[in-house]
């Protein structure tokens, strides 16, 4: 799926080295807002294995993980995914993303969120997409609001980050066809 500045596509085996570079170069930046990762996460074999897992999750309709690539250079600048896909009466998923710190404030993340939301609603027929953001991460909250998400409430101490249980602002978007 292609936007004006970036496109998203499923990660392939040949992307493992680029994904490793992205993760290593942004380790401190990403870990400030996400679950703590073990040191072996930052190895090529683990990144290769993760890409294989992503393909299995997609095949099993459990999660959909994409790379975010800059259109002009085709460089991997971030990742974005719909995880915890729930079917039946729920028809929802949880959105997660990470953008290289050097590519923030360019509109890339907002564009990637809009692309994956379109995929979730049009291709996966989801009813609802939810995201959680640490209070104080105003830039990420703005990204979601620009992409049509609304605030729903605060999930108290629901995610462990760097050994500490942290609150998350819950935002969601409902498929317009269901409104």
Protein backbone atom coordinates (compact mmCIF):
# COMPACT_ATOMS: atom_id res chain seq x y z
CA UNK A 1 0.00 0.00 0.00
CA UNK A 2 1.45 3.30 -1.05
CA UNK A 3 1.05 6.85 0.22
CA UNK A 4 2.68 10.07 -0.95
CA UNK A 5 5.81 9.70 1.19
CA UNK A 6 5.90 6.10 2.38
CA UNK A 7 4.61 2.67 1.53
CA UNK A 8 4.00 -0.33 3.72
CA UNK A 9 4.56 -3.94 2.77
CA UNK A 10 4.96 -7.23 4.55
CA UNK A 11 8.52 -7.85 5.67
CA UNK A 12 10.41 -10.51 3.71
CA UNK A 13 13.43 -12.65 4.61
CA UNK A 14 15.73 -10.28 2.70
CA UNK A 15 14.64 -7.41 4.98
CA UNK A 16 16.14 -8.99 8.12
CA UNK A 17 19.45 -7.10 7.98
CA UNK A 18 17.67 -3.77 7.44
CA UNK A 19 15.27 -4.51 10.28
CA UNK A 20 18.22 -5.33 12.53
CA UNK A 21 19.86 -1.99 11.58
CA UNK A 22 16.62 -0.14 12.37
CA UNK A 23 16.29 -1.84 15.76
CA UNK A 24 19.95 -1.38 16.77
CA UNK A 25 20.15 2.27 15.72
CA UNK A 26 16.91 3.09 17.58
CA UNK A 27 17.24 0.76 20.57
CA UNK A 28 17.15 3.39 23.33
CA UNK A 29 14.50 5.43 21.51
CA UNK A 30 12.17 2.45 20.96
CA UNK A 31 12.70 0.93 24.42
CA UNK A 32 11.60 4.17 26.09
CA UNK A 33 8.06 3.44 24.87
CA UNK A 34 7.89 -0.31 24.34
CA UNK A 35 8.38 -3.55 26.19
CA UNK A 36 11.96 -4.34 27.17
CA UNK A 37 13.69 -6.62 24.69
CA UNK A 38 16.37 -9.14 25.51
CA UNK A 39 19.85 -8.67 24.02
CA UNK A 40 19.46 -11.58 21.57
CA UNK A 41 16.59 -9.61 19.96
CA UNK A 42 19.37 -7.49 18.45
CA UNK A 43 20.83 -10.30 16.34
CA UNK A 44 20.32 -11.24 12.70
CA UNK A 45 19.09 -14.79 13.46
CA UNK A 46 16.35 -13.47 15.75
CA UNK A 47 15.26 -10.86 13.21
CA UNK A 48 15.12 -13.58 10.54
CA UNK A 49 13.06 -15.77 12.88
CA UNK A 50 10.70 -12.88 13.68
CA UNK A 51 10.03 -12.28 10.00
CA UNK A 52 9.14 -15.98 9.65
CA UNK A 53 6.84 -15.70 12.68
CA UNK A 54 5.18 -12.62 11.15
CA UNK A 55 4.43 -14.66 8.00
CA UNK A 56 2.90 -17.48 10.09
CA UNK A 57 0.81 -15.01 12.09
CA UNK A 58 -0.49 -13.49 8.86
CA UNK A 59 -1.30 -16.94 7.48
CA UNK A 60 -3.23 -17.73 10.68
CA UNK A 61 -5.06 -14.36 10.74
CA UNK A 62 -3.46 -13.50 14.11
CA UNK A 63 -1.35 -10.46 13.23
CA UNK A 64 -0.23 -8.42 10.21
CA UNK A 65 3.27 -6.89 10.43
CA UNK A 66 4.59 -4.47 7.84
CA UNK A 67 7.73 -2.51 7.18
CA UNK A 68 7.40 1.23 6.54
CA UNK A 69 9.57 2.23 3.58
CA UNK A 70 10.37 5.72 2.36
CA UNK A 71 9.14 6.02 -1.23
CA UNK A 72 12.08 8.04 -2.53
CA UNK A 73 14.87 5.81 -1.17
CA UNK A 74 13.04 2.54 -0.41
CA UNK A 75 14.82 2.53 2.97
CA UNK A 76 13.12 0.75 5.89
CA UNK A 77 12.26 3.62 8.27
CA UNK A 78 9.84 1.90 10.63
CA UNK A 79 7.51 -0.95 11.41
CA UNK A 80 3.76 -1.07 11.87
CA UNK A 81 1.43 -3.89 12.74
CA UNK A 82 -2.06 -5.00 13.61
CA UNK A 83 -1.80 -7.62 16.35
CA UNK A 84 -4.17 -9.52 18.61
CA UNK A 85 -6.63 -9.88 15.75
CA UNK A 86 -9.95 -10.99 17.21
CA UNK A 87 -12.71 -12.37 15.03
CA UNK A 88 -16.25 -13.42 15.86
CA UNK A 89 -18.35 -10.70 17.44
CA UNK A 90 -15.33 -8.45 18.14
CA UNK A 91 -13.63 -8.01 14.73
CA UNK A 92 -10.84 -5.88 16.15
CA UNK A 93 -7.06 -5.56 16.36
CA UNK A 94 -4.44 -3.58 18.23
CA UNK A 95 -2.19 -1.18 16.32
CA UNK A 96 1.50 -0.79 17.09
CA UNK A 97 4.24 1.14 15.32
CA UNK A 98 7.80 2.35 15.63
CA UNK A 99 9.46 5.01 13.46
CA UNK A 100 13.20 5.63 13.15
CA UNK A 101 13.99 8.69 15.29
CA UNK A 102 15.66 10.35 12.28
CA UNK A 103 12.39 10.20 10.32
CA UNK A 104 10.05 11.60 12.97
CA UNK A 105 8.13 14.85 12.38
CA UNK A 106 7.88 14.30 8.62
CA UNK A 107 4.33 12.94 8.52
CA UNK A 108 5.59 9.41 7.76
CA UNK A 109 4.04 7.78 10.82
CA UNK A 110 0.64 9.40 10.27
CA UNK A 111 0.67 8.30 6.65
CA UNK A 112 1.66 4.73 7.60
CA UNK A 113 -1.10 4.60 10.23
CA UNK A 114 -3.66 5.71 7.64
CA UNK A 115 -2.41 3.03 5.24
CA UNK A 116 -2.65 0.20 7.77
CA UNK A 117 -6.05 1.38 8.98
CA UNK A 118 -7.29 1.26 5.38
CA UNK A 119 -5.86 -2.26 5.10
CA UNK A 120 -7.51 -3.30 8.36
CA UNK A 121 -10.91 -1.94 7.44
CA UNK A 122 -10.97 -2.76 3.71
CA UNK A 123 -8.97 -6.00 3.40
CA UNK A 124 -9.48 -7.53 6.86
CA UNK A 125 -13.03 -6.20 7.40
CA UNK A 126 -12.20 -5.17 10.97
CA UNK A 127 -14.81 -3.22 12.93
CA UNK A 128 -12.39 -1.54 15.36
CA UNK A 129 -8.68 -0.77 15.65
CA UNK A 130 -7.27 0.20 19.03
CA UNK A 131 -3.93 1.66 20.11
CA UNK A 132 -2.34 2.39 23.47
CA UNK A 133 0.08 5.26 24.08
CA UNK A 134 1.96 6.22 27.22
CA UNK A 135 0.59 9.49 28.61
CA UNK A 136 3.14 12.17 27.82
CA UNK A 137 3.94 10.74 24.38
CA UNK A 138 2.09 13.65 22.82
CA UNK A 139 3.60 13.13 19.36
CA UNK A 140 2.20 9.59 19.13
CA UNK A 141 -1.20 10.70 20.40
CA UNK A 142 -1.23 13.44 17.71
CA UNK A 143 -0.36 10.85 15.03
CA UNK A 144 -3.35 8.74 16.01
CA UNK A 145 -5.71 11.70 16.26
CA UNK A 146 -4.64 12.90 12.79
CA UNK A 147 -5.45 9.39 11.53
CA UNK A 148 -8.99 9.60 12.93
CA UNK A 149 -8.58 7.88 16.30
CA UNK A 150 -10.46 9.14 19.35
CA UNK A 151 -9.48 8.92 23.01
CA UNK A 152 -11.42 6.38 25.03
CA UNK A 153 -9.79 6.31 28.45
CA UNK A 154 -6.78 5.35 30.50
CA UNK A 155 -5.67 1.74 30.98
CA UNK A 156 -3.98 1.85 34.38
CA UNK A 157 -0.67 -0.01 34.80
CA UNK A 158 -1.38 -2.31 31.85
CA UNK A 159 2.03 -2.59 30.11
CA UNK A 160 5.39 -3.37 31.66
CA UNK A 161 8.11 -1.14 30.21
CA UNK A 162 11.66 -1.33 31.52
CA UNK A 163 10.47 -3.28 34.57
CA UNK A 164 7.77 -0.78 35.52
CA UNK A 165 4.01 -1.10 35.00
CA UNK A 166 2.90 1.91 32.96
CA UNK A 167 -0.46 3.49 32.14
CA UNK A 168 -1.58 3.80 28.55
CA UNK A 169 -4.01 6.21 26.93
CA UNK A 170 -6.38 4.08 24.86
CA UNK A 171 -7.40 5.43 21.46
CA UNK A 172 -9.56 3.70 18.88
CA UNK A 173 -11.08 4.05 15.47
CA UNK A 174 -14.28 2.41 14.27
CA UNK A 175 -14.72 1.32 10.66
CA UNK A 176 -16.85 4.05 8.99
CA UNK A 177 -18.99 1.39 7.28
CA UNK A 178 -20.19 0.36 10.77
CA UNK A 179 -21.20 3.86 11.92
